[in-house]
Amino acid sequence: MRIGELARRTNVSERSLRYYETQGLLTAGRTPGGHRDYPETAVDRVVLIQELFAAGLHSTKIAQLLPCMRDTDGGPSAVATPRLIDDLTAERARIDRTITDLLRSRDTLDEVIRTAREG
């Protein structure tokens, strides 16, 4: 499929898709006319990339992680290094800290809202 179709199907801009390519996150073949030609599996790959970005991972870490994940379901493949596991464990701990901070902020806001309503 062409880049425009992939962009429409994933709701990701063509510019972002080109960026994913330059970062080694996504690959495309080329048509005889030089246009990008993505396989059907690129849809799942882009969705997975978006999920990883949303989790707060940066493109370098995602590039390290993707070979260890299956495109179709995001599950693990047999390829993972101990260093990658350590890095991902650290990323998970960072996400846990962020969640804790956000919950604390929400609790504070709830308290302020409750006080303002009562006052």
C-alpha atoms as a PDB file:
ATOM      1  CA  MET A   1       0.000   0.000   0.000  1.00  0.00           C
ATOM      2  CA  ARG A   2       1.125   3.555  -0.590  1.00  0.00           C
ATOM      3  CA  ILE A   3       2.030   5.957   2.195  1.00  0.00           C
ATOM      4  CA  GLY A   4      -1.244   7.877   1.896  1.00  0.00           C
ATOM      5  CA  GLU A   5      -3.308   4.757   2.454  1.00  0.00           C
ATOM      6  CA  LEU A   6      -1.171   3.728   5.435  1.00  0.00           C
ATOM      7  CA  ALA A   7      -1.591   7.219   6.874  1.00  0.00           C
ATOM      8  CA  ARG A   8      -5.372   7.032   6.479  1.00  0.00           C
ATOM      9  CA  ARG A   9      -5.650   3.526   7.929  1.00  0.00           C
ATOM     10  CA  THR A  10      -3.540   4.335  10.987  1.00  0.00           C
ATOM     11  CA  ASN A  11      -4.511   7.991  11.451  1.00  0.00           C
ATOM     12  CA  VAL A  12      -0.809   8.880  11.431  1.00  0.00           C
ATOM     13  CA  SER A  13       0.575  11.634   9.222  1.00  0.00           C
ATOM     14  CA  GLU A  14       2.704  10.845   6.198  1.00  0.00           C
ATOM     15  CA  ARG A  15       5.425  12.972   7.780  1.00  0.00           C
ATOM     16  CA  SER A  16       5.411  10.751  10.876  1.00  0.00           C
ATOM     17  CA  LEU A  17       5.573   7.630   8.720  1.00  0.00           C
ATOM     18  CA  ARG A  18       8.618   9.017   6.909  1.00  0.00           C
ATOM     19  CA  TYR A  19      10.178   9.813  10.300  1.00  0.00           C
ATOM     20  CA  TYR A  20       9.547   6.228  11.441  1.00  0.00           C
ATOM     21  CA  GLU A  21      11.425   5.063   8.358  1.00  0.00           C
ATOM     22  CA  THR A  22      14.425   7.307   9.020  1.00  0.00           C
ATOM     23  CA  GLN A  23      14.536   6.014  12.604  1.00  0.00           C
ATOM     24  CA  GLY A  24      14.476   2.389  11.440  1.00  0.00           C
ATOM     25  CA  LEU A  25      11.050   1.729  12.962  1.00  0.00           C
ATOM     26  CA  LEU A  26       9.258   1.040   9.687  1.00  0.00           C
ATOM     27  CA  THR A  27      10.390  -0.206   6.304  1.00  0.00           C
ATOM     28  CA  ALA A  28       8.853   0.028   2.875  1.00  0.00           C
ATOM     29  CA  GLY A  29       9.630  -1.461  -0.454  1.00  0.00           C
ATOM     30  CA  ARG A  30       9.634   0.685  -3.565  1.00  0.00           C
ATOM     31  CA  THR A  31       7.490   0.512  -6.650  1.00  0.00           C
ATOM     32  CA  PRO A  32       9.179   0.679 -10.061  1.00  0.00           C
ATOM     33  CA  GLY A  33       8.277   4.379 -10.024  1.00  0.00           C
ATOM     34  CA  GLY A  34      10.073   4.878  -6.703  1.00  0.00           C
ATOM     35  CA  HIS A  35       6.993   5.207  -4.498  1.00  0.00           C
ATOM     36  CA  ARG A  36       6.927   3.650  -1.040  1.00  0.00           C
ATOM     37  CA  ASP A  37       5.110   0.329  -0.961  1.00  0.00           C
ATOM     38  CA  TYR A  38       4.183  -0.907   2.519  1.00  0.00           C
ATOM     39  CA  PRO A  39       3.075  -4.451   3.301  1.00  0.00           C
ATOM     40  CA  GLU A  40      -0.257  -5.080   5.045  1.00  0.00           C
ATOM     41  CA  THR A  41       1.643  -5.770   8.299  1.00  0.00           C
ATOM     42  CA  ALA A  42       2.734  -2.116   8.360  1.00  0.00           C
ATOM     43  CA  VAL A  43      -0.667  -1.174   9.778  1.00  0.00           C
ATOM     44  CA  ASP A  44      -0.081  -3.264  12.909  1.00  0.00           C
ATOM     45  CA  ARG A  45       3.511  -2.033  13.117  1.00  0.00           C
ATOM     46  CA  VAL A  46       2.433   1.636  13.054  1.00  0.00           C
ATOM     47  CA  VAL A  47      -0.240   1.030  15.691  1.00  0.00           C
ATOM     48  CA  LEU A  48       2.382  -0.634  17.892  1.00  0.00           C
ATOM     49  CA  ILE A  49       4.830   2.235  17.360  1.00  0.00           C
ATOM     50  CA  GLN A  50       2.124   4.718  18.350  1.00  0.00           C
ATOM     51  CA  GLU A  51       1.374   2.741  21.520  1.00  0.00           C
ATOM     52  CA  LEU A  52       5.052   2.714  22.467  1.00  0.00           C
ATOM     53  CA  PHE A  53       5.376   6.463  21.878  1.00  0.00           C
ATOM     54  CA  ALA A  54       2.237   6.998  23.975  1.00  0.00           C
ATOM     55  CA  ALA A  55       3.886   4.996  26.758  1.00  0.00           C
ATOM     56  CA  GLY A  56       6.682   7.552  26.772  1.00  0.00           C
ATOM     57  CA  LEU A  57       9.378   5.594  24.954  1.00  0.00           C
ATOM     58  CA  HIS A  58      11.605   7.478  22.530  1.00  0.00           C
ATOM     59  CA  SER A  59      12.394   6.341  19.007  1.00  0.00           C
ATOM     60  CA  THR A  60      15.820   4.911  19.850  1.00  0.00           C
ATOM     61  CA  LYS A  61      14.346   2.680  22.545  1.00  0.00           C
ATOM     62  CA  ILE A  62      11.472   1.697  20.270  1.00  0.00           C
ATOM     63  CA  ALA A  63      13.947   0.725  17.546  1.00  0.00           C
ATOM     64  CA  GLN A  64      15.681  -1.558  20.059  1.00  0.00           C
ATOM     65  CA  LEU A  65      12.406  -3.027  21.237  1.00  0.00           C
ATOM     66  CA  LEU A  66      10.605  -3.684  17.939  1.00  0.00           C
ATOM     67  CA  PRO A  67      12.759  -6.651  16.862  1.00  0.00           C
ATOM     68  CA  CYS A  68      11.703  -8.316  20.120  1.00  0.00           C
ATOM     69  CA  MET A  69       7.982  -7.917  19.431  1.00  0.00           C
ATOM     70  CA  ARG A  70       5.607  -9.471  16.941  1.00  0.00           C
ATOM     71  CA  ASP A  71       3.816  -6.976  14.706  1.00  0.00           C
ATOM     72  CA  THR A  72       0.440  -8.659  14.653  1.00  0.00           C
ATOM     73  CA  ASP A  73      -0.257  -8.744  18.385  1.00  0.00           C
ATOM     74  CA  GLY A  74       2.607  -6.838  20.014  1.00  0.00           C
ATOM     75  CA  GLY A  75       3.573  -9.965  21.909  1.00  0.00           C
ATOM     76  CA  PRO A  76       7.169 -10.951  22.541  1.00  0.00           C
ATOM     77  CA  SER A  77       9.290 -12.807  20.054  1.00  0.00           C
ATOM     78  CA  ALA A  78      12.216 -15.002  20.995  1.00  0.00           C
ATOM     79  CA  VAL A  79      14.754 -12.207  20.443  1.00  0.00           C
ATOM     80  CA  ALA A  80      15.585 -10.178  23.564  1.00  0.00           C
ATOM     81  CA  THR A  81      18.862  -9.283  25.230  1.00  0.00           C
ATOM     82  CA  PRO A  82      19.461  -8.950  28.970  1.00  0.00           C
ATOM     83  CA  ARG A  83      20.391  -5.278  28.441  1.00  0.00           C
ATOM     84  CA  LEU A  84      17.120  -4.614  26.642  1.00  0.00           C
ATOM     85  CA  ILE A  85      15.230  -6.304  29.466  1.00  0.00           C
ATOM     86  CA  ASP A  86      17.018  -4.048  31.967  1.00  0.00           C
ATOM     87  CA  ASP A  87      16.252  -0.962  29.868  1.00  0.00           C
ATOM     88  CA  LEU A  88      12.604  -1.895  29.530  1.00  0.00           C
ATOM     89  CA  THR A  89      12.329  -2.630  33.241  1.00  0.00           C
ATOM     90  CA  ALA A  90      13.681   0.866  33.911  1.00  0.00           C
ATOM     91  CA  GLU A  91      11.155   2.340  31.436  1.00  0.00           C
ATOM     92  CA  ARG A  92       8.361   0.474  33.201  1.00  0.00           C
ATOM     93  CA  ALA A  93       9.494   1.832  36.563  1.00  0.00           C
ATOM     94  CA  ARG A  94       9.487   5.348  35.084  1.00  0.00           C
ATOM     95  CA  ILE A  95       5.949   4.836  33.818  1.00  0.00           C
ATOM     96  CA  ASP A  96       4.896   3.574  37.264  1.00  0.00           C
ATOM     97  CA  ARG A  97       6.347   6.724  38.851  1.00  0.00           C
ATOM     98  CA  THR A  98       4.482   8.883  36.357  1.00  0.00           C
ATOM     99  CA  ILE A  99       1.226   7.074  37.115  1.00  0.00           C
ATOM    100  CA  THR A 100       1.773   7.572  40.846  1.00  0.00           C
ATOM    101  CA  ASP A 101       2.456  11.282  40.307  1.00  0.00           C
ATOM    102  CA  LEU A 102      -0.646  11.665  38.131  1.00  0.00           C
ATOM    103  CA  LEU A 103      -2.834   9.894  40.685  1.00  0.00           C
ATOM    104  CA  ARG A 104      -1.494  12.176  43.401  1.00  0.00           C
ATOM    105  CA  SER A 105      -2.253  15.229  41.255  1.00  0.00           C
ATOM    106  CA  ARG A 106      -5.759  13.963  40.542  1.00  0.00           C
ATOM    107  CA  ASP A 107      -6.381  13.399  44.261  1.00  0.00           C
ATOM    108  CA  THR A 108      -5.235  16.946  45.001  1.00  0.00           C
ATOM    109  CA  LEU A 109      -7.525  18.351  42.311  1.00  0.00           C
ATOM    110  CA  ASP A 110     -10.437  16.299  43.646  1.00  0.00           C
ATOM    111  CA  GLU A 111      -9.811  17.719  47.094  1.00  0.00           C
ATOM    112  CA  VAL A 112      -9.723  21.293  45.791  1.00  0.00           C
ATOM    113  CA  ILE A 113     -12.906  20.751  43.777  1.00  0.00           C
ATOM    114  CA  ARG A 114     -14.672  19.223  46.778  1.00  0.00           C
ATOM    115  CA  THR A 115     -13.598  22.113  49.030  1.00  0.00           C
ATOM    116  CA  ALA A 116     -14.676  24.696  46.441  1.00  0.00           C
ATOM    117  CA  ARG A 117     -18.107  23.072  46.092  1.00  0.00           C
ATOM    118  CA  GLU A 118     -18.610  22.973  49.847  1.00  0.00           C
ATOM    119  CA  GLY A 119     -17.429  26.557  50.372  1.00  0.00           C
END
